[in-house]
Amino acid sequence: MPQKIVMSSKAMVDAAKAAIEEIAPADAVKLAGRDDVVLVDIRDPRELERDGKVPGAFHCTRGMLEFWIDPESPYYKPIFAEDKKFVFFCAGGMRSALAAKTAQDMGLKPVAHVIGGYKAWKEAGGPTEAYAPKKSG
């Protein structure tokens, strides 16, 4: 017998959006470069390589988010302790809604996400640049 899913991904995204601040793409573009805001790109590195990135955005894949936020985690990133507003975005605005809700549930504040994600950011005239992966070694 197949598994019975009791909550759809759409329902989860809708619930997250109802609980977090959503920022219109044009308003998000105005936040770029501000000292009191961290734009957090949660897209996969392959998406950054293919589509480019927002200059100055902090990159944290969705899969590592909880571990990078948690000061008790060996993967903790101090940027998440800064007294700033964290504005999450993904490609289209679904993963970032879940990420912002998770960050908020963990106690990070203030948080928000960009409606429509990176695609909407570009359509609103937001700056982008090519992604250059860091060389290891």
Protein backbone atom coordinates (compact mmCIF):
# COMPACT_ATOMS: atom_id res chain seq x y z
CA MET A 1 0.00 0.00 0.00
CA PRO A 2 1.43 3.44 -0.94
CA GLN A 3 2.25 6.04 1.68
CA LYS A 4 -0.50 8.52 2.49
CA ILE A 5 0.77 12.11 2.44
CA VAL A 6 -1.26 14.12 4.95
CA MET A 7 0.02 17.58 3.99
CA SER A 8 1.01 18.64 0.49
CA SER A 9 4.07 20.71 -0.28
CA LYS A 10 1.71 23.44 -1.52
CA ALA A 11 -0.12 23.45 1.82
CA MET A 12 3.23 23.68 3.63
CA VAL A 13 4.33 26.64 1.49
CA ASP A 14 0.95 28.35 1.93
CA ALA A 15 1.16 27.90 5.72
CA ALA A 16 4.71 29.26 5.76
CA LYS A 17 3.72 32.30 3.71
CA ALA A 18 0.87 33.04 6.12
CA ALA A 19 3.32 33.07 9.04
CA ILE A 20 6.20 35.13 7.61
CA GLU A 21 6.83 38.52 6.06
CA GLU A 22 6.76 38.50 2.28
CA ILE A 23 8.64 41.19 0.37
CA ALA A 24 7.76 42.27 -3.15
CA PRO A 25 10.68 41.88 -5.57
CA ALA A 26 10.98 45.63 -6.26
CA ASP A 27 11.15 46.29 -2.51
CA ALA A 28 13.74 43.53 -2.08
CA VAL A 29 15.92 45.15 -4.75
CA LYS A 30 15.91 48.34 -2.65
CA LEU A 31 17.26 46.35 0.31
CA ALA A 32 20.35 45.17 -1.61
CA GLY A 33 23.57 46.56 -0.20
CA ARG A 34 22.06 47.81 3.06
CA ASP A 35 24.20 47.22 6.15
CA ASP A 36 21.22 46.01 8.18
CA VAL A 37 20.04 43.35 5.71
CA VAL A 38 21.44 39.98 4.65
CA LEU A 39 20.04 38.55 1.43
CA VAL A 40 20.23 34.76 1.78
CA ASP A 41 20.25 32.73 -1.44
CA ILE A 42 19.19 29.16 -0.67
CA ARG A 43 19.41 27.83 -4.22
CA ASP A 44 21.51 24.83 -5.13
CA PRO A 45 25.02 25.62 -6.48
CA ARG A 46 24.00 24.21 -9.88
CA GLU A 47 21.26 26.85 -10.05
CA LEU A 48 23.77 29.60 -9.29
CA GLU A 49 26.13 28.30 -11.98
CA ARG A 50 23.31 28.15 -14.53
CA ASP A 51 21.39 31.33 -13.69
CA GLY A 52 23.81 33.66 -11.90
CA LYS A 53 23.57 35.22 -8.47
CA VAL A 54 22.73 38.41 -6.60
CA PRO A 55 25.92 40.38 -5.85
CA GLY A 56 26.64 40.40 -2.13
CA ALA A 57 24.03 37.76 -1.22
CA PHE A 58 25.05 35.11 1.29
CA HIS A 59 24.71 31.62 -0.15
CA CYS A 60 23.37 28.84 2.07
CA THR A 61 21.84 25.78 0.46
CA ARG A 62 18.41 24.87 1.80
CA GLY A 63 19.75 21.55 3.04
CA MET A 64 22.26 23.17 5.42
CA LEU A 65 20.10 26.04 6.68
CA GLU A 66 19.16 24.67 10.11
CA PHE A 67 22.75 23.59 10.80
CA TRP A 68 24.24 26.94 9.76
CA ILE A 69 21.76 28.89 11.94
CA ASP A 70 22.20 26.77 15.09
CA PRO A 71 25.13 28.00 17.27
CA GLU A 72 25.39 24.50 18.79
CA SER A 73 25.95 22.90 15.38
CA PRO A 74 29.46 22.12 14.14
CA TYR A 75 28.39 23.77 10.85
CA TYR A 76 27.29 27.07 12.46
CA LYS A 77 27.93 30.27 10.48
CA PRO A 78 28.35 33.43 12.60
CA ILE A 79 26.59 35.58 9.99
CA PHE A 80 23.32 34.24 11.41
CA ALA A 81 24.12 35.80 14.81
CA GLU A 82 24.32 39.32 13.37
CA ASP A 83 21.66 41.86 14.33
CA LYS A 84 20.27 42.16 10.81
CA LYS A 85 17.18 41.31 8.81
CA PHE A 86 17.53 38.05 6.90
CA VAL A 87 15.72 38.02 3.56
CA PHE A 88 15.63 34.59 1.96
CA PHE A 89 15.15 33.83 -1.71
CA CYS A 90 15.23 30.79 -3.97
CA ALA A 91 14.45 30.40 -7.67
CA GLY A 92 10.68 30.93 -7.51
CA GLY A 93 9.67 31.71 -3.93
CA MET A 94 8.56 28.35 -2.55
CA ARG A 95 11.70 27.00 -0.88
CA SER A 96 12.49 30.45 0.50
CA ALA A 97 9.07 30.64 2.18
CA LEU A 98 9.80 27.33 3.92
CA ALA A 99 13.34 28.49 4.78
CA ALA A 100 12.17 31.79 6.26
CA LYS A 101 9.51 29.97 8.32
CA THR A 102 12.12 27.47 9.58
CA ALA A 103 14.56 30.27 10.47
CA GLN A 104 11.76 32.14 12.24
CA ASP A 105 10.76 28.97 14.13
CA MET A 106 14.39 28.60 15.24
CA GLY A 107 14.31 32.13 16.68
CA LEU A 108 16.06 34.09 13.94
CA LYS A 109 14.45 37.52 13.55
CA PRO A 110 13.52 39.47 11.68
CA VAL A 111 13.20 37.26 8.63
CA ALA A 112 11.33 37.54 5.34
CA HIS A 113 11.35 36.06 1.88
CA VAL A 114 11.18 37.48 -1.63
CA ILE A 115 7.91 36.77 -3.44
CA GLY A 116 8.74 35.03 -6.72
CA GLY A 117 12.41 34.46 -5.84
CA TYR A 118 15.40 35.09 -8.08
CA LYS A 119 13.25 35.03 -11.22
CA ALA A 120 11.12 37.90 -9.90
CA TRP A 121 14.24 39.70 -8.61
CA LYS A 122 15.65 39.75 -12.17
CA GLU A 123 12.30 40.84 -13.64
CA ALA A 124 12.23 43.73 -11.13
CA GLY A 125 15.62 44.91 -12.42
CA GLY A 126 17.67 43.55 -9.52
CA PRO A 127 21.41 43.27 -10.10
CA THR A 128 22.86 39.88 -10.99
CA GLU A 129 26.27 38.54 -11.83
CA ALA A 130 27.87 35.31 -12.97
CA TYR A 131 28.58 32.74 -10.28
CA ALA A 132 32.22 31.83 -9.80
CA PRO A 133 32.60 28.85 -7.48
CA LYS A 134 35.32 29.07 -4.86
CA LYS A 135 38.40 27.07 -5.68
CA SER A 136 39.40 24.62 -2.97
CA GLY A 137 42.98 23.80 -2.14
